[in-house]
Structure formats: structure tokens, C-alpha cells
């Protein structure tokens, strides 16, 4: 990618991020809309996690990866330390793949 394209994208991203704090006070959002925006952000996050956990390339990733994500999710909900969550999820996936679960 040419340097000018990278600089243009960087400037656009910076301007977009700066617009929120500078122009946010001009918008009057209802409580219902604020709630819907918060729910929409959660749905988007869940969709990204599901896509990353269940797919690889254009197909199914196998059962080991979703199992690792499930273990990590349960530990995160129980407020386990972040390194323990990551290690447990990765270890679950690795052990299942070692056992041939794919």
C-alpha cells in the first residue's frame, strides 16, 4: 500500500476518533437509544467471538477450539485471573487436539 494511502487512512481514523469527544455534547440521545447502543455493542462482541471460535478460513474450526473458548469463558465469568483464563483455554484446545478431537 502506498505511503500516502496509509497516511490518509491514519488521518481519517484519528479524525473519526476525535469527533466523538468534540461533538458528543451536541447529540441528545434518549435512554432507550443509549440502551440499544450498549446492547448492540455486546451483540457485536459476541458475534466476533463466535466467528473466531467456530471458523477457520471458510470452514468449521473443529471442536477443540470452541471447547477452549468455552473453558476460558467460564473461567472469565468466575473472575479468574486473566493469565489463568488464557492458559486454561489454550491448554484445553491443545489437549483436545492432541487426543485427536480436532
PDB file of N, CA and C in Angstrom:
ATOM      1  N   UNK A   1       0.857  -1.165   0.000  1.00  0.00           N
ATOM      2  CA  UNK A   1       0.000   0.000   0.000  1.00  0.00           C
ATOM      3  C   UNK A   1       0.907   1.232   0.000  1.00  0.00           C
ATOM      4  N   UNK A   2       0.594   2.192  -0.850  1.00  0.00           N
ATOM      5  CA  UNK A   2       1.429   3.406  -0.908  1.00  0.00           C
ATOM      6  C   UNK A   2       1.378   4.191   0.407  1.00  0.00           C
ATOM      7  N   UNK A   3       2.433   4.923   0.649  1.00  0.00           N
ATOM      8  CA  UNK A   3       2.555   5.683   1.895  1.00  0.00           C
ATOM      9  C   UNK A   3       1.439   6.715   2.043  1.00  0.00           C
ATOM     10  N   UNK A   4       1.063   7.381   0.950  1.00  0.00           N
ATOM     11  CA  UNK A   4       0.015   8.401   1.058  1.00  0.00           C
ATOM     12  C   UNK A   4      -1.320   7.765   1.456  1.00  0.00           C
ATOM     13  N   UNK A   5      -1.587   6.547   1.025  1.00  0.00           N
ATOM     14  CA  UNK A   5      -2.828   5.875   1.412  1.00  0.00           C
ATOM     15  C   UNK A   5      -2.818   5.558   2.909  1.00  0.00           C
ATOM     16  N   UNK A   6      -1.666   5.112   3.417  1.00  0.00           N
ATOM     17  CA  UNK A   6      -1.552   4.827   4.843  1.00  0.00           C
ATOM     18  C   UNK A   6      -1.735   6.106   5.655  1.00  0.00           C
ATOM     19  N   UNK A   7      -1.121   7.179   5.236  1.00  0.00           N
ATOM     20  CA  UNK A   7      -1.255   8.458   5.938  1.00  0.00           C
ATOM     21  C   UNK A   7      -2.690   8.980   5.887  1.00  0.00           C
ATOM     22  N   UNK A   8      -3.350   8.806   4.743  1.00  0.00           N
ATOM     23  CA  UNK A   8      -4.739   9.249   4.613  1.00  0.00           C
ATOM     24  C   UNK A   8      -5.653   8.436   5.535  1.00  0.00           C
ATOM     25  N   UNK A   9      -5.460   7.131   5.588  1.00  0.00           N
ATOM     26  CA  UNK A   9      -6.261   6.293   6.482  1.00  0.00           C
ATOM     27  C   UNK A   9      -5.988   6.621   7.947  1.00  0.00           C
ATOM     28  N   UNK A  10      -4.724   6.890   8.279  1.00  0.00           N
ATOM     29  CA  UNK A  10      -4.386   7.249   9.654  1.00  0.00           C
ATOM     30  C   UNK A  10      -5.038   8.574  10.048  1.00  0.00           C
ATOM     31  N   UNK A  11      -4.997   9.552   9.161  1.00  0.00           N
ATOM     32  CA  UNK A  11      -5.611  10.848   9.446  1.00  0.00           C
ATOM     33  C   UNK A  11      -7.126  10.711   9.585  1.00  0.00           C
ATOM     34  N   UNK A  12      -7.748   9.921   8.724  1.00  0.00           N
ATOM     35  CA  UNK A  12      -9.190   9.706   8.812  1.00  0.00           C
ATOM     36  C   UNK A  12      -9.586   9.017  10.109  1.00  0.00           C
ATOM     37  N   UNK A  13      -8.807   8.021  10.507  1.00  0.00           N
ATOM     38  CA  UNK A  13      -9.088   7.313  11.752  1.00  0.00           C
ATOM     39  C   UNK A  13      -8.947   8.248  12.949  1.00  0.00           C
ATOM     40  N   UNK A  14      -7.900   9.049  12.954  1.00  0.00           N
ATOM     41  CA  UNK A  14      -7.686   9.996  14.046  1.00  0.00           C
ATOM     42  C   UNK A  14      -8.827  11.017  14.099  1.00  0.00           C
ATOM     43  N   UNK A  15      -9.256  11.523  12.943  1.00  0.00           N
ATOM     44  CA  UNK A  15     -10.345  12.500  12.913  1.00  0.00           C
ATOM     45  C   UNK A  15     -11.653  11.881  13.398  1.00  0.00           C
ATOM     46  N   UNK A  16     -11.889  10.636  13.025  1.00  0.00           N
ATOM     47  CA  UNK A  16     -13.108   9.941  13.445  1.00  0.00           C
ATOM     48  C   UNK A  16     -13.123   9.745  14.959  1.00  0.00           C
ATOM     49  N   UNK A  17     -11.981   9.373  15.525  1.00  0.00           N
ATOM     50  CA  UNK A  17     -11.895   9.171  16.973  1.00  0.00           C
ATOM     51  C   UNK A  17     -11.984  10.501  17.732  1.00  0.00           C
ATOM     52  N   UNK A  18     -11.486  11.557  17.147  1.00  0.00           N
ATOM     53  CA  UNK A  18     -11.520  12.861  17.785  1.00  0.00           C
ATOM     54  C   UNK A  18     -12.914  13.483  17.717  1.00  0.00           C
ATOM     55  N   UNK A  19     -13.706  13.093  16.724  1.00  0.00           N
ATOM     56  CA  UNK A  19     -15.036  13.682  16.546  1.00  0.00           C
ATOM     57  C   UNK A  19     -15.954  13.339  17.710  1.00  0.00           C
ATOM     58  N   UNK A  20     -15.811  12.150  18.306  1.00  0.00           N
ATOM     59  CA  UNK A  20     -16.681  11.761  19.416  1.00  0.00           C
ATOM     60  C   UNK A  20     -16.601  12.716  20.597  1.00  0.00           C
ATOM     61  N   UNK A  21     -15.408  12.891  21.160  1.00  0.00           N
ATOM     62  CA  UNK A  21     -15.316  13.821  22.301  1.00  0.00           C
ATOM     63  C   UNK A  21     -15.630  15.281  21.947  1.00  0.00           C
ATOM     64  N   UNK A  22     -15.311  15.683  20.736  1.00  0.00           N
ATOM     65  CA  UNK A  22     -15.541  17.079  20.367  1.00  0.00           C
ATOM     66  C   UNK A  22     -17.005  17.370  20.051  1.00  0.00           C
ATOM     67  N   UNK A  23     -17.708  16.412  19.448  1.00  0.00           N
ATOM     68  CA  UNK A  23     -19.069  16.666  19.003  1.00  0.00           C
ATOM     69  C   UNK A  23     -20.130  15.918  19.813  1.00  0.00           C
ATOM     70  N   UNK A  24     -19.711  15.118  20.777  1.00  0.00           N
ATOM     71  CA  UNK A  24     -20.648  14.297  21.534  1.00  0.00           C
ATOM     72  C   UNK A  24     -21.673  15.084  22.313  1.00  0.00           C
ATOM     73  N   UNK A  25     -21.317  16.255  22.797  1.00  0.00           N
ATOM     74  CA  UNK A  25     -22.258  17.050  23.594  1.00  0.00           C
ATOM     75  C   UNK A  25     -23.387  17.641  22.752  1.00  0.00           C
ATOM     76  N   UNK A  26     -23.236  17.649  21.439  1.00  0.00           N
ATOM     77  CA  UNK A  26     -24.270  18.196  20.562  1.00  0.00           C
ATOM     78  C   UNK A  26     -25.405  17.216  20.294  1.00  0.00           C
ATOM     79  N   UNK A  27     -25.184  15.952  20.604  1.00  0.00           N
ATOM     80  CA  UNK A  27     -26.202  14.937  20.371  1.00  0.00           C
ATOM     81  C   UNK A  27     -26.977  14.671  21.654  1.00  0.00           C
ATOM     82  N   UNK A  28     -28.284  14.627  21.526  1.00  0.00           N
ATOM     83  CA  UNK A  28     -29.133  14.304  22.668  1.00  0.00           C
ATOM     84  C   UNK A  28     -29.739  12.926  22.400  1.00  0.00           C
ATOM     85  N   UNK A  29     -29.208  11.908  23.048  1.00  0.00           N
ATOM     86  CA  UNK A  29     -29.690  10.548  22.857  1.00  0.00           C
ATOM     87  C   UNK A  29     -30.633  10.172  23.995  1.00  0.00           C
ATOM     88  N   UNK A  30     -31.734   9.527  23.638  1.00  0.00           N
ATOM     89  CA  UNK A  30     -32.674   9.082  24.658  1.00  0.00           C
ATOM     90  C   UNK A  30     -32.071   7.894  25.408  1.00  0.00           C
ATOM     91  N   UNK A  31     -32.637   7.598  26.570  1.00  0.00           N
ATOM     92  CA  UNK A  31     -32.151   6.458  27.357  1.00  0.00           C
ATOM     93  C   UNK A  31     -32.364   5.154  26.608  1.00  0.00           C
ATOM     94  N   UNK A  32     -33.463   5.051  25.895  1.00  0.00           N
ATOM     95  CA  UNK A  32     -33.731   3.836  25.119  1.00  0.00           C
ATOM     96  C   UNK A  32     -32.658   3.637  24.049  1.00  0.00           C
ATOM     97  N   UNK A  33     -32.291   4.700  23.349  1.00  0.00           N
ATOM     98  CA  UNK A  33     -31.266   4.591  22.319  1.00  0.00           C
ATOM     99  C   UNK A  33     -29.905   4.267  22.932  1.00  0.00           C
ATOM    100  N   UNK A  34     -29.590   4.838  24.067  1.00  0.00           N
ATOM    101  CA  UNK A  34     -28.333   4.513  24.752  1.00  0.00           C
ATOM    102  C   UNK A  34     -28.302   3.035  25.137  1.00  0.00           C
ATOM    103  N   UNK A  35     -29.426   2.528  25.621  1.00  0.00           N
ATOM    104  CA  UNK A  35     -29.508   1.109  25.980  1.00  0.00           C
ATOM    105  C   UNK A  35     -29.342   0.235  24.736  1.00  0.00           C
ATOM    106  N   UNK A  36     -29.998   0.601  23.642  1.00  0.00           N
ATOM    107  CA  UNK A  36     -29.884  -0.174  22.412  1.00  0.00           C
ATOM    108  C   UNK A  36     -28.451  -0.164  21.870  1.00  0.00           C
ATOM    109  N   UNK A  37     -27.768   0.946  21.976  1.00  0.00           N
ATOM    110  CA  UNK A  37     -26.381   1.018  21.531  1.00  0.00           C
ATOM    111  C   UNK A  37     -25.481   0.133  22.386  1.00  0.00           C
ATOM    112  N   UNK A  38     -25.732   0.097  23.687  1.00  0.00           N
ATOM    113  CA  UNK A  38     -24.949  -0.775  24.569  1.00  0.00           C
ATOM    114  C   UNK A  38     -25.209  -2.240  24.248  1.00  0.00           C
ATOM    115  N   UNK A  39     -26.469  -2.587  23.996  1.00  0.00           N
ATOM    116  CA  UNK A  39     -26.802  -3.972  23.639  1.00  0.00           C
ATOM    117  C   UNK A  39     -26.185  -4.323  22.293  1.00  0.00           C
ATOM    118  N   UNK A  40     -26.223  -3.410  21.349  1.00  0.00           N
ATOM    119  CA  UNK A  40     -25.648  -3.661  20.030  1.00  0.00           C
ATOM    120  C   UNK A  40     -24.142  -3.905  20.123  1.00  0.00           C
ATOM    121  N   UNK A  41     -23.468  -3.197  20.997  1.00  0.00           N
ATOM    122  CA  UNK A  41     -22.030  -3.415  21.179  1.00  0.00           C
ATOM    123  C   UNK A  41     -21.774  -4.810  21.741  1.00  0.00           C
ATOM    124  N   UNK A  42     -22.588  -5.246  22.675  1.00  0.00           N
ATOM    125  CA  UNK A  42     -22.448  -6.595  23.224  1.00  0.00           C
ATOM    126  C   UNK A  42     -22.713  -7.666  22.180  1.00  0.00           C
ATOM    127  N   UNK A  43     -23.738  -7.468  21.366  1.00  0.00           N
ATOM    128  CA  UNK A  43     -24.051  -8.434  20.306  1.00  0.00           C
ATOM    129  C   UNK A  43     -22.912  -8.513  19.304  1.00  0.00           C
ATOM    130  N   UNK A  44     -22.340  -7.379  18.947  1.00  0.00           N
ATOM    131  CA  UNK A  44     -21.215  -7.377  18.018  1.00  0.00           C
ATOM    132  C   UNK A  44     -20.025  -8.123  18.597  1.00  0.00           C
ATOM    133  N   UNK A  45     -19.749  -7.932  19.874  1.00  0.00           N
ATOM    134  CA  UNK A  45     -18.643  -8.636  20.516  1.00  0.00           C
ATOM    135  C   UNK A  45     -18.880 -10.144  20.530  1.00  0.00           C
ATOM    136  N   UNK A  46     -20.100 -10.565  20.846  1.00  0.00           N
ATOM    137  CA  UNK A  46     -20.419 -11.995  20.849  1.00  0.00           C
ATOM    138  C   UNK A  46     -20.292 -12.574  19.445  1.00  0.00           C
ATOM    139  N   UNK A  47     -20.728 -11.837  18.437  1.00  0.00           N
ATOM    140  CA  UNK A  47     -20.608 -12.314  17.059  1.00  0.00           C
ATOM    141  C   UNK A  47     -19.148 -12.471  16.651  1.00  0.00           C
ATOM    142  N   UNK A  48     -18.303 -11.548  17.054  1.00  0.00           N
ATOM    143  CA  UNK A  48     -16.873 -11.660  16.735  1.00  0.00           C
ATOM    144  C   UNK A  48     -16.239 -12.856  17.434  1.00  0.00           C
ATOM    145  N   UNK A  49     -16.596 -13.085  18.691  1.00  0.00           N
ATOM    146  CA  UNK A  49     -16.068 -14.235  19.429  1.00  0.00           C
ATOM    147  C   UNK A  49     -16.546 -15.528  18.787  1.00  0.00           C
ATOM    148  N   UNK A  50     -17.813 -15.600  18.429  1.00  0.00           N
ATOM    149  CA  UNK A  50     -18.352 -16.812  17.810  1.00  0.00           C
ATOM    150  C   UNK A  50     -17.687 -17.091  16.474  1.00  0.00           C
ATOM    151  N   UNK A  51     -17.485 -16.074  15.666  1.00  0.00           N
ATOM    152  CA  UNK A  51     -16.831 -16.259  14.382  1.00  0.00           C
ATOM    153  C   UNK A  51     -15.400 -16.733  14.565  1.00  0.00           C
ATOM    154  N   UNK A  52     -14.694 -16.124  15.500  1.00  0.00           N
ATOM    155  CA  UNK A  52     -13.312 -16.526  15.749  1.00  0.00           C
ATOM    156  C   UNK A  52     -13.194 -17.906  16.355  1.00  0.00           C
ATOM    157  N   UNK A  53     -14.176 -18.295  17.153  1.00  0.00           N
ATOM    158  CA  UNK A  53     -14.109 -19.586  17.837  1.00  0.00           C
ATOM    159  C   UNK A  53     -14.559 -20.734  16.950  1.00  0.00           C
ATOM    160  N   UNK A  54     -15.471 -20.483  16.042  1.00  0.00           N
ATOM    161  CA  UNK A  54     -16.069 -21.573  15.283  1.00  0.00           C
ATOM    162  C   UNK A  54     -15.544 -21.745  13.863  1.00  0.00           C
ATOM    163  N   UNK A  55     -14.884 -20.750  13.316  1.00  0.00           N
ATOM    164  CA  UNK A  55     -14.465 -20.856  11.922  1.00  0.00           C
ATOM    165  C   UNK A  55     -12.960 -20.707  11.762  1.00  0.00           C
ATOM    166  N   UNK A  56     -12.472 -21.333  10.710  1.00  0.00           N
ATOM    167  CA  UNK A  56     -11.075 -21.182  10.311  1.00  0.00           C
ATOM    168  C   UNK A  56     -11.076 -21.184   8.784  1.00  0.00           C
ATOM    169  N   UNK A  57     -10.622 -20.109   8.202  1.00  0.00           N
ATOM    170  CA  UNK A  57     -10.734 -19.985   6.750  1.00  0.00           C
ATOM    171  C   UNK A  57     -12.203 -19.865   6.374  1.00  0.00           C
ATOM    172  N   UNK A  58     -12.661 -20.806   5.549  1.00  0.00           N
ATOM    173  CA  UNK A  58     -14.060 -20.787   5.123  1.00  0.00           C
ATOM    174  C   UNK A  58     -14.852 -21.960   5.689  1.00  0.00           C
ATOM    175  N   UNK A  59     -14.306 -22.631   6.696  1.00  0.00           N
ATOM    176  CA  UNK A  59     -14.989 -23.801   7.228  1.00  0.00           C
ATOM    177  C   UNK A  59     -14.989 -23.844   8.739  1.00  0.00           C
ATOM    178  N   UNK A  60     -15.498 -24.949   9.245  1.00  0.00           N
ATOM    179  CA  UNK A  60     -15.596 -25.163  10.690  1.00  0.00           C
ATOM    180  C   UNK A  60     -14.199 -25.414  11.266  1.00  0.00           C
ATOM    181  N   UNK A  61     -13.920 -24.864  12.415  1.00  0.00           N
ATOM    182  CA  UNK A  61     -12.590 -24.965  13.025  1.00  0.00           C
ATOM    183  C   UNK A  61     -12.380 -26.273  13.776  1.00  0.00           C
ATOM    184  N   UNK A  62     -13.409 -27.059  13.964  1.00  0.00           N
ATOM    185  CA  UNK A  62     -13.298 -28.273  14.758  1.00  0.00           C
ATOM    186  C   UNK A  62     -13.809 -28.018  16.157  1.00  0.00           C
ATOM    187  N   UNK A  63     -13.913 -29.091  16.952  1.00  0.00           N
ATOM    188  CA  UNK A  63     -14.496 -28.974  18.279  1.00  0.00           C
ATOM    189  C   UNK A  63     -13.519 -28.530  19.352  1.00  0.00           C
ATOM    190  N   UNK A  64     -12.225 -28.628  19.105  1.00  0.00           N
ATOM    191  CA  UNK A  64     -11.243 -28.279  20.136  1.00  0.00           C
ATOM    192  C   UNK A  64     -11.250 -26.777  20.438  1.00  0.00           C
ATOM    193  N   UNK A  65     -11.301 -25.964  19.418  1.00  0.00           N
ATOM    194  CA  UNK A  65     -11.264 -24.511  19.638  1.00  0.00           C
ATOM    195  C   UNK A  65     -12.494 -24.007  20.386  1.00  0.00           C
ATOM    196  N   UNK A  66     -13.715 -24.371  19.988  1.00  0.00           N
ATOM    197  CA  UNK A  66     -14.870 -23.912  20.776  1.00  0.00           C
ATOM    198  C   UNK A  66     -14.837 -24.411  22.220  1.00  0.00           C
ATOM    199  N   UNK A  67     -14.311 -25.610  22.439  1.00  0.00           N
ATOM    200  CA  UNK A  67     -14.212 -26.112  23.814  1.00  0.00           C
ATOM    201  C   UNK A  67     -13.248 -25.258  24.631  1.00  0.00           C
ATOM    202  N   UNK A  68     -12.122 -24.874  24.029  1.00  0.00           N
ATOM    203  CA  UNK A  68     -11.175 -23.992  24.718  1.00  0.00           C
ATOM    204  C   UNK A  68     -11.774 -22.634  25.019  1.00  0.00           C
ATOM    205  N   UNK A  69     -12.530 -22.103  24.069  1.00  0.00           N
ATOM    206  CA  UNK A  69     -13.190 -20.810  24.292  1.00  0.00           C
ATOM    207  C   UNK A  69     -14.239 -20.935  25.392  1.00  0.00           C
ATOM    208  N   UNK A  70     -14.954 -22.044  25.430  1.00  0.00           N
ATOM    209  CA  UNK A  70     -15.949 -22.268  26.475  1.00  0.00           C
ATOM    210  C   UNK A  70     -15.300 -22.327  27.857  1.00  0.00           C
ATOM    211  N   UNK A  71     -14.193 -23.057  27.964  1.00  0.00           N
ATOM    212  CA  UNK A  71     -13.476 -23.139  29.248  1.00  0.00           C
ATOM    213  C   UNK A  71     -13.000 -21.753  29.673  1.00  0.00           C
ATOM    214  N   UNK A  72     -12.418 -21.022  28.737  1.00  0.00           N
ATOM    215  CA  UNK A  72     -11.941 -19.674  29.050  1.00  0.00           C
ATOM    216  C   UNK A  72     -13.094 -18.758  29.440  1.00  0.00           C
ATOM    217  N   UNK A  73     -14.234 -18.886  28.764  1.00  0.00           N
ATOM    218  CA  UNK A  73     -15.395 -18.060  29.092  1.00  0.00           C
ATOM    219  C   UNK A  73     -15.929 -18.337  30.483  1.00  0.00           C
ATOM    220  N   UNK A  74     -15.991 -19.611  30.839  1.00  0.00           N
ATOM    221  CA  UNK A  74     -16.467 -19.966  32.185  1.00  0.00           C
ATOM    222  C   UNK A  74     -15.523 -19.407  33.247  1.00  0.00           C
ATOM    223  N   UNK A  75     -14.226 -19.560  33.018  1.00  0.00           N
ATOM    224  CA  UNK A  75     -13.265 -19.027  33.994  1.00  0.00           C
ATOM    225  C   UNK A  75     -13.343 -17.504  34.082  1.00  0.00           C
ATOM    226  N   UNK A  76     -13.549 -16.852  32.940  1.00  0.00           N
ATOM    227  CA  UNK A  76     -13.665 -15.388  32.951  1.00  0.00           C
ATOM    228  C   UNK A  76     -14.917 -14.949  33.717  1.00  0.00           C
ATOM    229  N   UNK A  77     -16.017 -15.696  33.543  1.00  0.00           N
ATOM    230  CA  UNK A  77     -17.236 -15.362  34.287  1.00  0.00           C
ATOM    231  C   UNK A  77     -17.064 -15.575  35.785  1.00  0.00           C
ATOM    232  N   UNK A  78     -16.202 -16.508  36.155  1.00  0.00           N
ATOM    233  CA  UNK A  78     -15.941 -16.753  37.585  1.00  0.00           C
ATOM    234  C   UNK A  78     -14.845 -15.827  38.119  1.00  0.00           C
ATOM    235  N   UNK A  79     -14.439 -14.872  37.294  1.00  0.00           N
ATOM    236  CA  UNK A  79     -13.451 -13.850  37.661  1.00  0.00           C
ATOM    237  C   UNK A  79     -12.080 -14.428  37.986  1.00  0.00           C
ATOM    238  N   UNK A  80     -11.674 -15.422  37.215  1.00  0.00           N
ATOM    239  CA  UNK A  80     -10.325 -15.971  37.369  1.00  0.00           C
ATOM    240  C   UNK A  80      -9.315 -14.963  36.813  1.00  0.00           C
ATOM    241  N   UNK A  81      -8.078 -15.006  37.260  1.00  0.00           N
ATOM    242  CA  UNK A  81      -7.063 -14.089  36.719  1.00  0.00           C
ATOM    243  C   UNK A  81      -6.883 -14.309  35.214  1.00  0.00           C
ATOM    244  N   UNK A  82      -6.649 -13.233  34.501  1.00  0.00           N
ATOM    245  CA  UNK A  82      -6.558 -13.291  33.043  1.00  0.00           C
ATOM    246  C   UNK A  82      -5.525 -14.300  32.543  1.00  0.00           C
ATOM    247  N   UNK A  83      -4.313 -14.345  33.109  1.00  0.00           N
ATOM    248  CA  UNK A  83      -3.364 -15.359  32.625  1.00  0.00           C
ATOM    249  C   UNK A  83      -3.890 -16.789  32.792  1.00  0.00           C
ATOM    250  N   UNK A  84      -4.599 -17.045  33.877  1.00  0.00           N
ATOM    251  CA  UNK A  84      -5.169 -18.382  34.079  1.00  0.00           C
ATOM    252  C   UNK A  84      -6.240 -18.685  33.037  1.00  0.00           C
ATOM    253  N   UNK A  85      -7.033 -17.690  32.672  1.00  0.00           N
ATOM    254  CA  UNK A  85      -8.062 -17.867  31.653  1.00  0.00           C
ATOM    255  C   UNK A  85      -7.427 -18.230  30.319  1.00  0.00           C
ATOM    256  N   UNK A  86      -6.401 -17.489  29.937  1.00  0.00           N
ATOM    257  CA  UNK A  86      -5.734 -17.722  28.651  1.00  0.00           C
ATOM    258  C   UNK A  86      -5.061 -19.087  28.633  1.00  0.00           C
ATOM    259  N   UNK A  87      -4.325 -19.408  29.683  1.00  0.00           N
ATOM    260  CA  UNK A  87      -3.607 -20.688  29.736  1.00  0.00           C
ATOM    261  C   UNK A  87      -4.586 -21.853  29.753  1.00  0.00           C
ATOM    262  N   UNK A  88      -5.674 -21.754  30.511  1.00  0.00           N
ATOM    263  CA  UNK A  88      -6.646 -22.844  30.567  1.00  0.00           C
ATOM    264  C   UNK A  88      -7.332 -23.055  29.224  1.00  0.00           C
ATOM    265  N   UNK A  89      -7.695 -21.983  28.551  1.00  0.00           N
ATOM    266  CA  UNK A  89      -8.321 -22.103  27.232  1.00  0.00           C
ATOM    267  C   UNK A  89      -7.370 -22.710  26.208  1.00  0.00           C
ATOM    268  N   UNK A  90      -6.130 -22.241  26.207  1.00  0.00           N
ATOM    269  CA  UNK A  90      -5.141 -22.782  25.266  1.00  0.00           C
ATOM    270  C   UNK A  90      -4.805 -24.231  25.594  1.00  0.00           C
ATOM    271  N   UNK A  91      -4.685 -24.548  26.872  1.00  0.00           N
ATOM    272  CA  UNK A  91      -4.368 -25.922  27.270  1.00  0.00           C
ATOM    273  C   UNK A  91      -5.503 -26.868  26.911  1.00  0.00           C
ATOM    274  N   UNK A  92      -6.738 -26.440  27.097  1.00  0.00           N
ATOM    275  CA  UNK A  92      -7.879 -27.277  26.728  1.00  0.00           C
ATOM    276  C   UNK A  92      -7.873 -27.574  25.236  1.00  0.00           C
ATOM    277  N   UNK A  93      -7.656 -26.543  24.444  1.00  0.00           N
ATOM    278  CA  UNK A  93      -7.602 -26.731  22.997  1.00  0.00           C
ATOM    279  C   UNK A  93      -6.452 -27.652  22.609  1.00  0.00           C
ATOM    280  N   UNK A  94      -5.290 -27.441  23.204  1.00  0.00           N
ATOM    281  CA  UNK A  94      -4.120 -28.258  22.862  1.00  0.00           C
ATOM    282  C   UNK A  94      -4.311 -29.720  23.247  1.00  0.00           C
ATOM    283  N   UNK A  95      -4.851 -29.968  24.425  1.00  0.00           N
ATOM    284  CA  UNK A  95      -5.050 -31.357  24.869  1.00  0.00           C
ATOM    285  C   UNK A  95      -6.076 -32.060  23.983  1.00  0.00           C
ATOM    286  N   UNK A  96      -7.143 -31.372  23.659  1.00  0.00           N
ATOM    287  CA  UNK A  96      -8.158 -31.985  22.782  1.00  0.00           C
ATOM    288  C   UNK A  96      -7.598 -32.270  21.390  1.00  0.00           C
ATOM    289  N   UNK A  97      -6.786 -31.374  20.874  1.00  0.00           N
ATOM    290  CA  UNK A  97      -6.168 -31.630  19.554  1.00  0.00           C
ATOM    291  C   UNK A  97      -5.170 -32.763  19.652  1.00  0.00           C
ATOM    292  N   UNK A  98      -4.447 -32.869  20.758  1.00  0.00           N
ATOM    293  CA  UNK A  98      -3.506 -33.952  20.967  1.00  0.00           C
ATOM    294  C   UNK A  98      -4.238 -35.289  21.017  1.00  0.00           C
ATOM    295  N   UNK A  99      -5.443 -35.270  21.563  1.00  0.00           N
ATOM    296  CA  UNK A  99      -6.237 -36.505  21.642  1.00  0.00           C
ATOM    297  C   UNK A  99      -6.973 -36.811  20.332  1.00  0.00           C
ATOM    298  N   UNK A 100      -6.820 -35.932  19.350  1.00  0.00           N
ATOM    299  CA  UNK A 100      -7.417 -36.172  18.040  1.00  0.00           C
ATOM    300  C   UNK A 100      -8.809 -35.629  17.871  1.00  0.00           C
ATOM    301  N   UNK A 101      -9.234 -34.755  18.748  1.00  0.00           N
ATOM    302  CA  UNK A 101     -10.591 -34.204  18.634  1.00  0.00           C
ATOM    303  C   UNK A 101     -10.655 -33.148  17.543  1.00  0.00           C
ATOM    304  N   UNK A 102      -9.552 -32.552  17.166  1.00  0.00           N
ATOM    305  CA  UNK A 102      -9.516 -31.606  16.036  1.00  0.00           C
ATOM    306  C   UNK A 102     -10.243 -30.409  16.297  1.00  0.00           C
TER     307      UNK A 102
END
